[in-house]
C-alpha atoms as a PDB file:
ATOM      1  CA  MET A   1     -21.619   9.276   4.122  1.00  0.00           C
ATOM      2  CA  SER A   2     -18.325  10.402   2.545  1.00  0.00           C
ATOM      3  CA  ILE A   3     -15.127   8.751   3.714  1.00  0.00           C
ATOM      4  CA  VAL A   4     -11.712  10.313   4.307  1.00  0.00           C
ATOM      5  CA  ILE A   5      -8.649   8.070   4.327  1.00  0.00           C
ATOM      6  CA  VAL A   6      -5.730   9.489   6.303  1.00  0.00           C
ATOM      7  CA  THR A   7      -2.300   7.863   6.254  1.00  0.00           C
ATOM      8  CA  GLY A   8       0.034   8.538   9.150  1.00  0.00           C
ATOM      9  CA  SER A   9      -3.161   9.167  11.080  1.00  0.00           C
ATOM     10  CA  ALA A  10      -1.531   9.045  14.535  1.00  0.00           C
ATOM     11  CA  GLY A  11       1.142  11.565  13.580  1.00  0.00           C
ATOM     12  CA  LEU A  12       1.046  15.320  13.911  1.00  0.00           C
ATOM     13  CA  VAL A  13      -0.632  16.287  10.627  1.00  0.00           C
ATOM     14  CA  GLY A  14      -2.575  13.046  10.238  1.00  0.00           C
ATOM     15  CA  SER A  15      -4.218  13.283  13.651  1.00  0.00           C
ATOM     16  CA  GLU A  16      -5.173  16.905  13.026  1.00  0.00           C
ATOM     17  CA  ALA A  17      -6.765  15.794   9.745  1.00  0.00           C
ATOM     18  CA  VAL A  18      -8.676  12.999  11.492  1.00  0.00           C
ATOM     19  CA  THR A  19     -10.122  15.390  14.070  1.00  0.00           C
ATOM     20  CA  HIS A  20     -10.934  18.101  11.529  1.00  0.00           C
ATOM     21  CA  PHE A  21     -12.742  16.009   8.934  1.00  0.00           C
ATOM     22  CA  ALA A  22     -14.538  13.889  11.528  1.00  0.00           C
ATOM     23  CA  GLY A  23     -15.763  17.186  12.958  1.00  0.00           C
ATOM     24  CA  LEU A  24     -17.292  17.966   9.570  1.00  0.00           C
ATOM     25  CA  GLY A  25     -19.369  14.790   9.840  1.00  0.00           C
ATOM     26  CA  MET A  26     -17.245  12.619   7.555  1.00  0.00           C
ATOM     27  CA  ASP A  27     -16.225   9.044   8.355  1.00  0.00           C
ATOM     28  CA  VAL A  28     -12.478   8.745   8.818  1.00  0.00           C
ATOM     29  CA  ILE A  29     -10.309   5.685   8.230  1.00  0.00           C
ATOM     30  CA  GLY A  30      -6.803   6.086   9.585  1.00  0.00           C
ATOM     31  CA  ILE A  31      -3.860   4.031   8.358  1.00  0.00           C
ATOM     32  CA  ASP A  32      -0.851   3.993  10.688  1.00  0.00           C
ATOM     33  CA  ASN A  33       1.508   1.304  12.007  1.00  0.00           C
ATOM     34  CA  ASP A  34       3.656   3.500  14.301  1.00  0.00           C
ATOM     35  CA  MET A  35       6.710   3.403  12.044  1.00  0.00           C
ATOM     36  CA  ARG A  36       7.859   6.552  13.846  1.00  0.00           C
ATOM     37  CA  ALA A  37       8.886   4.328  16.766  1.00  0.00           C
ATOM     38  CA  THR A  38      10.872   2.165  14.334  1.00  0.00           C
ATOM     39  CA  PHE A  39      12.636   5.214  12.954  1.00  0.00           C
ATOM     40  CA  PHE A  40      13.323   7.128  16.175  1.00  0.00           C
ATOM     41  CA  GLY A  41      12.693   4.831  19.156  1.00  0.00           C
ATOM     42  CA  GLN A  42       9.885   4.505  21.667  1.00  0.00           C
ATOM     43  CA  GLU A  43      10.101   8.119  22.843  1.00  0.00           C
ATOM     44  CA  ALA A  44       8.812   9.090  19.386  1.00  0.00           C
ATOM     45  CA  SER A  45       6.008   6.516  19.292  1.00  0.00           C
ATOM     46  CA  THR A  46       2.614   7.826  18.212  1.00  0.00           C
ATOM     47  CA  ARG A  47       0.688   5.067  19.968  1.00  0.00           C
ATOM     48  CA  TRP A  48      -0.547   7.523  22.609  1.00  0.00           C
ATOM     49  CA  ASN A  49      -2.113   9.631  19.861  1.00  0.00           C
ATOM     50  CA  ARG A  50      -3.700   6.640  18.158  1.00  0.00           C
ATOM     51  CA  LEU A  51      -5.331   5.634  21.437  1.00  0.00           C
ATOM     52  CA  ARG A  52      -6.541   9.211  21.910  1.00  0.00           C
ATOM     53  CA  LEU A  53      -8.167   9.239  18.473  1.00  0.00           C
ATOM     54  CA  VAL A  54      -9.899   5.902  19.050  1.00  0.00           C
ATOM     55  CA  ARG A  55     -11.142   7.168  22.409  1.00  0.00           C
ATOM     56  CA  GLU A  56     -12.200  10.692  21.424  1.00  0.00           C
ATOM     57  CA  VAL A  57     -13.208  10.709  17.738  1.00  0.00           C
ATOM     58  CA  PRO A  58     -16.650   9.181  17.147  1.00  0.00           C
ATOM     59  CA  GLY A  59     -16.659   6.568  14.415  1.00  0.00           C
ATOM     60  CA  TYR A  60     -12.920   6.696  13.806  1.00  0.00           C
ATOM     61  CA  GLN A  61     -11.717   3.447  12.251  1.00  0.00           C
ATOM     62  CA  HIS A  62      -8.043   2.555  12.594  1.00  0.00           C
ATOM     63  CA  VAL A  63      -6.207   0.236  10.237  1.00  0.00           C
ATOM     64  CA  GLU A  64      -2.736  -0.918  11.293  1.00  0.00           C
ATOM     65  CA  ALA A  65      -1.030  -1.356   7.952  1.00  0.00           C
ATOM     66  CA  ASP A  66       2.178  -0.489   6.155  1.00  0.00           C
ATOM     67  CA  ILE A  67       1.543   1.826   3.191  1.00  0.00           C
ATOM     68  CA  ARG A  68       3.937  -0.337   1.141  1.00  0.00           C
ATOM     69  CA  ASP A  69       1.626  -3.345   1.544  1.00  0.00           C
ATOM     70  CA  GLU A  70      -0.231  -3.245  -1.764  1.00  0.00           C
ATOM     71  CA  ASN A  71      -2.641  -6.071  -0.884  1.00  0.00           C
ATOM     72  CA  LYS A  72      -3.712  -4.530   2.413  1.00  0.00           C
ATOM     73  CA  ILE A  73      -4.014  -0.984   1.083  1.00  0.00           C
ATOM     74  CA  PHE A  74      -5.966  -2.106  -1.975  1.00  0.00           C
ATOM     75  CA  GLU A  75      -8.260  -4.123   0.299  1.00  0.00           C
ATOM     76  CA  VAL A  76      -9.095  -1.008   2.334  1.00  0.00           C
ATOM     77  CA  PHE A  77      -9.805   1.074  -0.773  1.00  0.00           C
ATOM     78  CA  ARG A  78     -11.760  -1.704  -2.475  1.00  0.00           C
ATOM     79  CA  GLU A  79     -13.968  -2.189   0.583  1.00  0.00           C
ATOM     80  CA  HIS A  80     -14.959   1.484   0.561  1.00  0.00           C
ATOM     81  CA  GLN A  81     -14.973   2.270  -3.159  1.00  0.00           C
ATOM     82  CA  GLY A  82     -17.735   4.639  -4.167  1.00  0.00           C
ATOM     83  CA  ALA A  83     -17.629   6.420  -0.798  1.00  0.00           C
ATOM     84  CA  ILE A  84     -14.049   7.737  -0.618  1.00  0.00           C
ATOM     85  CA  ALA A  85     -14.046  11.494  -1.169  1.00  0.00           C
ATOM     86  CA  LEU A  86     -10.607  12.437   0.121  1.00  0.00           C
ATOM     87  CA  VAL A  87      -7.191  10.864   0.702  1.00  0.00           C
ATOM     88  CA  VAL A  88      -4.780  12.761   2.970  1.00  0.00           C
ATOM     89  CA  HIS A  89      -1.346  11.145   2.658  1.00  0.00           C
ATOM     90  CA  CYS A  90       0.888  12.096   5.584  1.00  0.00           C
ATOM     91  CA  ALA A  91       2.712   8.816   6.267  1.00  0.00           C
ATOM     92  CA  ALA A  92       6.455   9.071   5.595  1.00  0.00           C
ATOM     93  CA  GLN A  93       9.988   8.577   6.775  1.00  0.00           C
ATOM     94  CA  PRO A  94      10.458  12.256   7.688  1.00  0.00           C
ATOM     95  CA  SER A  95      14.125  12.755   8.638  1.00  0.00           C
ATOM     96  CA  HIS A  96      17.022  13.503   6.289  1.00  0.00           C
ATOM     97  CA  ASP A  97      19.476  12.457   9.030  1.00  0.00           C
ATOM     98  CA  TRP A  98      17.771   9.075   9.514  1.00  0.00           C
ATOM     99  CA  ALA A  99      17.517   8.418   5.770  1.00  0.00           C
ATOM    100  CA  ALA A 100      21.303   8.204   5.480  1.00  0.00           C
ATOM    101  CA  SER A 101      21.320   5.294   7.952  1.00  0.00           C
ATOM    102  CA  ASN A 102      18.843   3.236   5.901  1.00  0.00           C
ATOM    103  CA  PRO A 103      18.412   4.622   2.366  1.00  0.00           C
ATOM    104  CA  PHE A 104      16.462   1.609   1.143  1.00  0.00           C
ATOM    105  CA  MET A 105      13.739   1.852   3.781  1.00  0.00           C
ATOM    106  CA  ASP A 106      13.536   5.622   3.333  1.00  0.00           C
ATOM    107  CA  LEU A 107      13.026   5.173  -0.415  1.00  0.00           C
ATOM    108  CA  THR A 108      10.473   2.378  -0.184  1.00  0.00           C
ATOM    109  CA  VAL A 109       8.357   4.120   2.458  1.00  0.00           C
ATOM    110  CA  ASN A 110       8.364   7.515   0.766  1.00  0.00           C
ATOM    111  CA  VAL A 111       8.216   6.479  -2.892  1.00  0.00           C
ATOM    112  CA  ASN A 112       6.767   2.961  -3.053  1.00  0.00           C
ATOM    113  CA  GLY A 113       4.226   3.754  -0.350  1.00  0.00           C
ATOM    114  CA  THR A 114       3.069   6.850  -2.222  1.00  0.00           C
ATOM    115  CA  SER A 115       2.859   4.869  -5.459  1.00  0.00           C
ATOM    116  CA  VAL A 116       0.650   2.231  -3.803  1.00  0.00           C
ATOM    117  CA  LEU A 117      -1.711   4.881  -2.449  1.00  0.00           C
ATOM    118  CA  LEU A 118      -1.957   6.753  -5.739  1.00  0.00           C
ATOM    119  CA  GLU A 119      -2.714   3.592  -7.654  1.00  0.00           C
ATOM    120  CA  ALA A 120      -5.282   2.465  -5.064  1.00  0.00           C
ATOM    121  CA  THR A 121      -6.959   5.865  -5.401  1.00  0.00           C
ATOM    122  CA  ARG A 122      -6.898   5.757  -9.208  1.00  0.00           C
ATOM    123  CA  LYS A 123      -8.324   2.239  -9.239  1.00  0.00           C
ATOM    124  CA  TYR A 124     -11.005   2.493  -6.556  1.00  0.00           C
ATOM    125  CA  ALA A 125     -11.626   6.233  -5.954  1.00  0.00           C
ATOM    126  CA  PRO A 126     -10.638   8.108  -9.142  1.00  0.00           C
ATOM    127  CA  ASP A 127     -12.835  11.105  -8.310  1.00  0.00           C
ATOM    128  CA  ALA A 128     -11.400  11.531  -4.810  1.00  0.00           C
ATOM    129  CA  VAL A 129      -9.135  14.436  -3.895  1.00  0.00           C
ATOM    130  CA  PHE A 130      -5.565  13.296  -3.139  1.00  0.00           C
ATOM    131  CA  ILE A 131      -3.500  15.555  -0.859  1.00  0.00           C
ATOM    132  CA  PHE A 132       0.187  14.756  -0.351  1.00  0.00           C
ATOM    133  CA  MET A 133       2.242  16.116   2.537  1.00  0.00           C
ATOM    134  CA  SER A 134       5.474  16.987   0.754  1.00  0.00           C
ATOM    135  CA  THR A 135       8.385  19.040   2.087  1.00  0.00           C
ATOM    136  CA  ASN A 136      10.564  22.041   1.334  1.00  0.00           C
ATOM    137  CA  LYS A 137      13.493  19.590   1.261  1.00  0.00           C
ATOM    138  CA  VAL A 138      12.554  18.934  -2.379  1.00  0.00           C
ATOM    139  CA  TYR A 139      14.464  22.170  -3.119  1.00  0.00           C
ATOM    140  CA  GLY A 140      17.660  20.652  -1.732  1.00  0.00           C
ATOM    141  CA  ASP A 141      20.306  23.126  -0.625  1.00  0.00           C
ATOM    142  CA  THR A 142      19.500  25.655  -3.375  1.00  0.00           C
ATOM    143  CA  PRO A 143      18.109  28.087  -0.743  1.00  0.00           C
ATOM    144  CA  ASN A 144      21.629  28.255   0.734  1.00  0.00           C
ATOM    145  CA  LEU A 145      22.782  30.141  -2.374  1.00  0.00           C
ATOM    146  CA  LEU A 146      20.579  33.095  -1.441  1.00  0.00           C
ATOM    147  CA  PRO A 147      22.308  36.329  -0.347  1.00  0.00           C
ATOM    148  CA  LEU A 148      21.990  36.361   3.442  1.00  0.00           C
ATOM    149  CA  GLU A 149      22.977  38.918   6.049  1.00  0.00           C
ATOM    150  CA  GLU A 150      23.946  38.065   9.616  1.00  0.00           C
ATOM    151  CA  LEU A 151      21.848  39.839  12.242  1.00  0.00           C
ATOM    152  CA  GLU A 152      22.073  39.572  16.030  1.00  0.00           C
ATOM    153  CA  THR A 153      19.805  36.527  16.395  1.00  0.00           C
ATOM    154  CA  ARG A 154      19.194  35.320  12.825  1.00  0.00           C
ATOM    155  CA  TRP A 155      20.263  35.147   9.224  1.00  0.00           C
ATOM    156  CA  GLU A 156      18.048  37.253   6.977  1.00  0.00           C
ATOM    157  CA  ILE A 157      17.777  37.677   3.237  1.00  0.00           C
ATOM    158  CA  ALA A 158      18.839  40.999   1.756  1.00  0.00           C
ATOM    159  CA  LYS A 159      16.039  43.551   1.829  1.00  0.00           C
ATOM    160  CA  ASP A 160      16.377  44.282  -1.889  1.00  0.00           C
ATOM    161  CA  HIS A 161      15.920  40.620  -2.830  1.00  0.00           C
ATOM    162  CA  PRO A 162      12.602  39.553  -4.449  1.00  0.00           C
ATOM    163  CA  TYR A 163      12.111  36.890  -1.739  1.00  0.00           C
ATOM    164  CA  TYR A 164      12.389  39.339   1.169  1.00  0.00           C
ATOM    165  CA  LYS A 165       8.737  40.319   1.372  1.00  0.00           C
ATOM    166  CA  ALA A 166       7.019  36.932   1.064  1.00  0.00           C
ATOM    167  CA  GLY A 167       9.662  34.179   1.062  1.00  0.00           C
ATOM    168  CA  ILE A 168      10.639  31.395  -1.336  1.00  0.00           C
ATOM    169  CA  PRO A 169       8.145  30.569  -4.123  1.00  0.00           C
ATOM    170  CA  GLU A 170       7.386  27.307  -5.939  1.00  0.00           C
ATOM    171  CA  SER A 171       9.416  28.498  -8.949  1.00  0.00           C
ATOM    172  CA  MET A 172      12.713  27.763  -7.179  1.00  0.00           C
ATOM    173  CA  SER A 173      14.547  24.933  -8.985  1.00  0.00           C
ATOM    174  CA  ILE A 174      14.602  21.469  -7.425  1.00  0.00           C
ATOM    175  CA  ASP A 175      17.358  20.296  -9.796  1.00  0.00           C
ATOM    176  CA  GLN A 176      21.180  19.968  -9.619  1.00  0.00           C
ATOM    177  CA  CYS A 177      21.675  20.465  -5.896  1.00  0.00           C
ATOM    178  CA  LEU A 178      22.320  18.447  -2.735  1.00  0.00           C
ATOM    179  CA  HIS A 179      19.021  17.125  -1.369  1.00  0.00           C
ATOM    180  CA  SER A 180      19.923  14.513   1.263  1.00  0.00           C
ATOM    181  CA  LEU A 181      18.545  11.045   0.565  1.00  0.00           C
ATOM    182  CA  PHE A 182      15.299  11.982   2.298  1.00  0.00           C
ATOM    183  CA  GLY A 183      14.953  15.007   0.039  1.00  0.00           C
ATOM    184  CA  ALA A 184      15.532  12.815  -3.010  1.00  0.00           C
ATOM    185  CA  SER A 185      12.853  10.296  -1.983  1.00  0.00           C
ATOM    186  CA  LYS A 186      10.373  13.087  -1.325  1.00  0.00           C
ATOM    187  CA  VAL A 187      11.158  14.663  -4.714  1.00  0.00           C
ATOM    188  CA  ALA A 188      10.290  11.358  -6.387  1.00  0.00           C
ATOM    189  CA  ALA A 189       7.017  11.063  -4.452  1.00  0.00           C
ATOM    190  CA  ASP A 190       6.162  14.732  -5.058  1.00  0.00           C
ATOM    191  CA  VAL A 191       6.656  14.456  -8.827  1.00  0.00           C
ATOM    192  CA  LEU A 192       4.682  11.192  -8.885  1.00  0.00           C
ATOM    193  CA  VAL A 193       1.711  12.896  -7.213  1.00  0.00           C
ATOM    194  CA  GLN A 194       1.902  15.739  -9.720  1.00  0.00           C
ATOM    195  CA  GLU A 195       2.030  13.253 -12.583  1.00  0.00           C
ATOM    196  CA  TYR A 196      -1.097  11.404 -11.460  1.00  0.00           C
ATOM    197  CA  GLY A 197      -2.826  14.776 -11.487  1.00  0.00           C
ATOM    198  CA  ARG A 198      -1.601  15.787 -14.923  1.00  0.00           C
ATOM    199  CA  TYR A 199      -1.417  12.438 -16.725  1.00  0.00           C
ATOM    200  CA  PHE A 200      -4.525  10.762 -15.288  1.00  0.00           C
ATOM    201  CA  GLY A 201      -6.529  13.920 -14.580  1.00  0.00           C
ATOM    202  CA  MET A 202      -6.801  13.239 -10.868  1.00  0.00           C
ATOM    203  CA  LYS A 203      -7.380  15.961  -8.264  1.00  0.00           C
ATOM    204  CA  THR A 204      -3.968  15.933  -6.609  1.00  0.00           C
ATOM    205  CA  ALA A 205      -1.947  18.483  -4.672  1.00  0.00           C
ATOM    206  CA  CYS A 206       1.530  18.544  -3.145  1.00  0.00           C
ATOM    207  CA  PHE A 207       1.872  20.756  -0.064  1.00  0.00           C
ATOM    208  CA  ARG A 208       5.582  21.459   0.399  1.00  0.00           C
ATOM    209  CA  GLY A 209       5.745  22.096   4.111  1.00  0.00           C
ATOM    210  CA  GLY A 210       8.220  24.114   6.081  1.00  0.00           C
ATOM    211  CA  CYS A 211       8.407  23.097   9.751  1.00  0.00           C
ATOM    212  CA  LEU A 212       5.101  21.450  10.617  1.00  0.00           C
ATOM    213  CA  THR A 213       4.357  21.622  14.300  1.00  0.00           C
ATOM    214  CA  GLY A 214       1.796  21.634  17.075  1.00  0.00           C
ATOM    215  CA  PRO A 215       0.963  20.047  20.438  1.00  0.00           C
ATOM    216  CA  ASN A 216       0.312  16.590  18.967  1.00  0.00           C
ATOM    217  CA  HIS A 217       3.890  16.254  17.677  1.00  0.00           C
ATOM    218  CA  SER A 218       5.922  13.357  19.095  1.00  0.00           C
ATOM    219  CA  GLY A 219       9.132  15.364  18.790  1.00  0.00           C
ATOM    220  CA  THR A 220      12.516  13.652  18.820  1.00  0.00           C
ATOM    221  CA  ALA A 221      16.138  14.622  18.208  1.00  0.00           C
ATOM    222  CA  LEU A 222      15.994  13.833  14.484  1.00  0.00           C
ATOM    223  CA  HIS A 223      12.566  15.261  13.707  1.00  0.00           C
ATOM    224  CA  GLY A 224      10.101  17.763  15.166  1.00  0.00           C
ATOM    225  CA  PHE A 225      12.333  20.653  16.119  1.00  0.00           C
ATOM    226  CA  LEU A 226       9.970  22.923  18.089  1.00  0.00           C
ATOM    227  CA  ALA A 227       8.280  20.062  19.961  1.00  0.00           C
ATOM    228  CA  TYR A 228      11.597  18.453  20.860  1.00  0.00           C
ATOM    229  CA  LEU A 229      13.153  21.793  21.805  1.00  0.00           C
ATOM    230  CA  MET A 230      10.336  22.499  24.249  1.00  0.00           C
ATOM    231  CA  LYS A 231      10.461  18.920  25.568  1.00  0.00           C
ATOM    232  CA  CYS A 232      14.165  19.314  26.369  1.00  0.00           C
ATOM    233  CA  THR A 233      13.561  22.686  28.007  1.00  0.00           C
ATOM    234  CA  VAL A 234      10.780  21.314  30.202  1.00  0.00           C
ATOM    235  CA  THR A 235      12.421  18.001  31.147  1.00  0.00           C
ATOM    236  CA  GLY A 236      16.022  19.199  31.453  1.00  0.00           C
ATOM    237  CA  ALA A 237      17.234  16.954  28.632  1.00  0.00           C
ATOM    238  CA  HIS A 238      20.219  18.077  26.551  1.00  0.00           C
ATOM    239  CA  TYR A 239      19.795  19.673  23.113  1.00  0.00           C
ATOM    240  CA  ASP A 240      22.384  20.021  20.325  1.00  0.00           C
ATOM    241  CA  VAL A 241      22.300  22.955  17.900  1.00  0.00           C
ATOM    242  CA  TYR A 242      24.047  22.256  14.595  1.00  0.00           C
ATOM    243  CA  GLY A 243      25.753  24.931  12.523  1.00  0.00           C
ATOM    244  CA  TYR A 244      25.012  28.435  11.210  1.00  0.00           C
ATOM    245  CA  LYS A 245      25.758  29.919  14.679  1.00  0.00           C
ATOM    246  CA  GLY A 246      22.264  28.847  15.766  1.00  0.00           C
ATOM    247  CA  LYS A 247      20.844  31.624  13.602  1.00  0.00           C
ATOM    248  CA  GLN A 248      19.262  29.399  10.941  1.00  0.00           C
ATOM    249  CA  VAL A 249      15.688  30.474  10.210  1.00  0.00           C
ATOM    250  CA  ARG A 250      12.613  28.288   9.773  1.00  0.00           C
ATOM    251  CA  ASP A 251       9.006  29.150   9.222  1.00  0.00           C
ATOM    252  CA  ASN A 252       6.635  27.141  11.400  1.00  0.00           C
ATOM    253  CA  ILE A 253       3.027  26.276  10.640  1.00  0.00           C
ATOM    254  CA  HIS A 254       0.599  24.863  13.179  1.00  0.00           C
ATOM    255  CA  SER A 255      -1.086  21.648  12.056  1.00  0.00           C
ATOM    256  CA  PHE A 256      -4.452  23.400  12.566  1.00  0.00           C
ATOM    257  CA  ASP A 257      -3.604  26.043   9.943  1.00  0.00           C
ATOM    258  CA  LEU A 258      -2.233  23.398   7.598  1.00  0.00           C
ATOM    259  CA  ILE A 259      -5.356  21.222   7.778  1.00  0.00           C
ATOM    260  CA  ASN A 260      -7.535  24.245   7.126  1.00  0.00           C
ATOM    261  CA  ALA A 261      -5.516  24.742   3.936  1.00  0.00           C
ATOM    262  CA  PHE A 262      -6.176  21.094   3.046  1.00  0.00           C
ATOM    263  CA  ASP A 263      -9.882  21.658   3.633  1.00  0.00           C
ATOM    264  CA  ALA A 264      -9.877  24.712   1.365  1.00  0.00           C
ATOM    265  CA  PHE A 265      -8.294  22.652  -1.419  1.00  0.00           C
ATOM    266  CA  PHE A 266     -10.741  19.792  -0.830  1.00  0.00           C
ATOM    267  CA  SER A 267     -13.662  22.198  -1.164  1.00  0.00           C
ATOM    268  CA  ALA A 268     -12.445  23.480  -4.549  1.00  0.00           C
ATOM    269  CA  PRO A 269      -9.845  21.012  -5.877  1.00  0.00           C
ATOM    270  CA  ARG A 270      -7.514  21.451  -8.805  1.00  0.00           C
ATOM    271  CA  GLY A 271      -5.281  18.931 -10.629  1.00  0.00           C
ATOM    272  CA  GLY A 272      -1.532  18.397 -10.242  1.00  0.00           C
ATOM    273  CA  GLU A 273      -1.063  21.419  -8.008  1.00  0.00           C
ATOM    274  CA  VAL A 274       2.033  22.351  -5.985  1.00  0.00           C
ATOM    275  CA  TYR A 275       1.990  24.757  -3.049  1.00  0.00           C
ATOM    276  CA  ASN A 276       4.691  25.927  -0.677  1.00  0.00           C
ATOM    277  CA  MET A 277       3.017  25.809   2.717  1.00  0.00           C
ATOM    278  CA  GLY A 278       4.642  27.071   5.895  1.00  0.00           C
ATOM    279  CA  GLY A 279       4.382  29.849   8.423  1.00  0.00           C
ATOM    280  CA  GLY A 280       5.732  32.384   5.933  1.00  0.00           C
ATOM    281  CA  ARG A 281       6.478  35.859   7.216  1.00  0.00           C
ATOM    282  CA  PHE A 282       3.612  35.433   9.685  1.00  0.00           C
ATOM    283  CA  SER A 283       5.257  32.663  11.724  1.00  0.00           C
ATOM    284  CA  ASN A 284       9.016  32.099  11.684  1.00  0.00           C
ATOM    285  CA  CYS A 285      12.018  32.127  13.978  1.00  0.00           C
ATOM    286  CA  SER A 286      15.703  31.305  14.213  1.00  0.00           C
ATOM    287  CA  MET A 287      17.013  28.559  16.484  1.00  0.00           C
ATOM    288  CA  LEU A 288      18.325  31.158  18.952  1.00  0.00           C
ATOM    289  CA  GLU A 289      14.962  32.930  18.948  1.00  0.00           C
ATOM    290  CA  ALA A 290      13.130  29.637  19.498  1.00  0.00           C
ATOM    291  CA  ILE A 291      15.373  28.803  22.465  1.00  0.00           C
ATOM    292  CA  GLN A 292      14.698  32.209  23.986  1.00  0.00           C
ATOM    293  CA  MET A 293      10.925  31.774  23.613  1.00  0.00           C
ATOM    294  CA  CYS A 294      11.012  28.255  25.103  1.00  0.00           C
ATOM    295  CA  GLU A 295      12.924  29.569  28.111  1.00  0.00           C
ATOM    296  CA  GLU A 296      10.557  32.524  28.563  1.00  0.00           C
ATOM    297  CA  ILE A 297       7.416  30.386  28.325  1.00  0.00           C
ATOM    298  CA  SER A 298       8.684  27.579  30.575  1.00  0.00           C
ATOM    299  CA  GLY A 299      10.646  29.665  33.055  1.00  0.00           C
ATOM    300  CA  ARG A 300      13.564  27.225  32.606  1.00  0.00           C
ATOM    301  CA  LYS A 301      16.961  27.350  30.963  1.00  0.00           C
ATOM    302  CA  LEU A 302      17.669  24.945  28.117  1.00  0.00           C
ATOM    303  CA  ASN A 303      20.739  22.744  28.530  1.00  0.00           C
ATOM    304  CA  TRP A 304      22.258  23.014  25.060  1.00  0.00           C
ATOM    305  CA  THR A 305      25.511  22.745  23.160  1.00  0.00           C
ATOM    306  CA  TYR A 306      26.509  24.348  19.886  1.00  0.00           C
ATOM    307  CA  ILE A 307      28.187  22.088  17.297  1.00  0.00           C
ATOM    308  CA  ASP A 308      29.927  24.031  14.552  1.00  0.00           C
ATOM    309  CA  LYS A 309      28.835  21.761  11.711  1.00  0.00           C
ATOM    310  CA  ALA A 310      25.560  22.080   9.837  1.00  0.00           C
ATOM    311  CA  ARG A 311      23.560  18.970   9.047  1.00  0.00           C
ATOM    312  CA  THR A 312      23.946  17.738   5.459  1.00  0.00           C
ATOM    313  CA  GLY A 313      21.506  19.502   3.145  1.00  0.00           C
ATOM    314  CA  ASP A 314      20.160  21.687   5.971  1.00  0.00           C
ATOM    315  CA  HIS A 315      18.713  25.074   5.094  1.00  0.00           C
ATOM    316  CA  GLN A 316      20.329  28.196   6.482  1.00  0.00           C
ATOM    317  CA  TRP A 317      17.202  30.275   5.816  1.00  0.00           C
ATOM    318  CA  TRP A 318      13.751  29.120   4.815  1.00  0.00           C
ATOM    319  CA  ILE A 319      10.562  31.144   4.718  1.00  0.00           C
ATOM    320  CA  SER A 320       7.747  29.837   2.502  1.00  0.00           C
ATOM    321  CA  ASP A 321       6.030  32.116   0.039  1.00  0.00           C
ATOM    322  CA  CYS A 322       2.390  30.991   0.376  1.00  0.00           C
ATOM    323  CA  ASP A 323       0.985  33.684  -1.896  1.00  0.00           C
ATOM    324  CA  ARG A 324       0.095  31.234  -4.660  1.00  0.00           C
ATOM    325  CA  PHE A 325      -2.117  29.214  -2.339  1.00  0.00           C
ATOM    326  CA  ALA A 326      -3.617  32.395  -0.858  1.00  0.00           C
ATOM    327  CA  GLU A 327      -4.409  33.613  -4.386  1.00  0.00           C
ATOM    328  CA  HIS A 328      -6.242  30.368  -5.178  1.00  0.00           C
ATOM    329  CA  TYR A 329      -7.958  30.220  -1.759  1.00  0.00           C
ATOM    330  CA  PRO A 330      -8.292  33.794  -0.444  1.00  0.00           C
ATOM    331  CA  ASN A 331     -10.510  32.831   2.511  1.00  0.00           C
ATOM    332  CA  TRP A 332      -7.728  30.793   4.130  1.00  0.00           C
ATOM    333  CA  LYS A 333      -5.911  32.647   6.935  1.00  0.00           C
ATOM    334  CA  TYR A 334      -3.319  31.859   9.614  1.00  0.00           C
ATOM    335  CA  LYS A 335      -4.388  31.519  13.227  1.00  0.00           C
ATOM    336  CA  TYR A 336      -1.135  30.603  15.039  1.00  0.00           C
ATOM    337  CA  ASP A 337       2.225  32.373  15.094  1.00  0.00           C
ATOM    338  CA  VAL A 338       5.387  30.873  16.638  1.00  0.00           C
ATOM    339  CA  ARG A 339       4.683  32.189  20.146  1.00  0.00           C
ATOM    340  CA  ASN A 340       1.126  30.779  20.138  1.00  0.00           C
ATOM    341  CA  ILE A 341       2.444  27.455  18.851  1.00  0.00           C
ATOM    342  CA  LEU A 342       5.106  27.174  21.551  1.00  0.00           C
ATOM    343  CA  GLU A 343       2.633  28.045  24.306  1.00  0.00           C
ATOM    344  CA  GLU A 344       0.384  25.177  23.173  1.00  0.00           C
ATOM    345  CA  ILE A 345       3.344  22.811  22.885  1.00  0.00           C
ATOM    346  CA  TYR A 346       4.460  23.791  26.395  1.00  0.00           C
ATOM    347  CA  ASP A 347       1.074  22.909  27.896  1.00  0.00           C
ATOM    348  CA  ALA A 348       0.971  19.587  26.044  1.00  0.00           C
ATOM    349  CA  THR A 349       4.579  18.765  26.947  1.00  0.00           C
ATOM    350  CA  ARG A 350       3.972  19.364  30.653  1.00  0.00           C
ATOM    351  CA  ALA A 351       0.947  17.098  30.509  1.00  0.00           C
ATOM    352  CA  ARG A 352       2.928  14.251  28.896  1.00  0.00           C
ATOM    353  CA  ASN A 353       6.355  14.546  30.554  1.00  0.00           C
ATOM    354  CA  VAL A 354       7.976  14.734  33.960  1.00  0.00           C
ATOM    355  CA  VAL A 355       9.117  18.302  34.601  1.00  0.00           C
ATOM    356  CA  ALA A 356      12.740  18.735  35.656  1.00  0.00           C
ATOM    357  CA  ALA A 357      13.361  19.713  39.262  1.00  0.00           C
END
């Protein structure tokens, strides 16, 4: 039976990948050592999700290992060589705010860890498909140079601009801009994945995600904006909104829709590909709009404060143009828009947290 190796398997995207590919009858090996708790504290721990996977997914095998540990990672790949059909690499240090507090760890996790996994794949599973969860932060703050107009609840690109209809394409430059240290480490990993596809002829793809979200997200103040926003609304915790008058726009893609895109690529892989992958025009919102939806869905007011300073390297407006992926894989479609996503997150949040009085 074919094997799928998923890194960051207890995280949002990783756990969705585990469930999806196990449901297709494949054996899944998950690699995760709950580094999210190291980065963001115990409230962000993914241990609960790991235990859920072990309990609910038949045949799921969990390996507690650091992706930077070459000996351990190579051991896993060597043990299963000849059977590995797919590697889904989701493990990462995911916050540009956190990266500034420990640049060395951010770099080693995101770059060295990716290098170890690519080389393990090349050595022991050269015919496997390698999917990398990249980020739109590889474009740095270049999107902030776009001509934007201020509307009542959001910033919006000018209607006569080429990006208005579909969003920002892969052709946007990633060079000569402010990335944040996290963005820089993800650029290095992204280009490395492309290079293994082009130089070694491997079947690799970088999916440059917008806001990735869903009910399995362990949202925290520094990462997981929709999940953490709903958590604060439900529990009564305080939330800070940084800069752009709260009108900054993000597209949001449910992990279900993202994994279905991974599956489409796995079914008909290409080499060294790059795809912007977010909610696009189908699923996006501003911070103010997200707050309003959270309050409507929960029936509670969010306790929040506006801080008139944007986070370093933060995007004022981001909507992914996913047309290139849709052209390559025309059967792939969205299922969840922002409202659907928040309703699912609300139900999951209530189940996991104490509701404020």
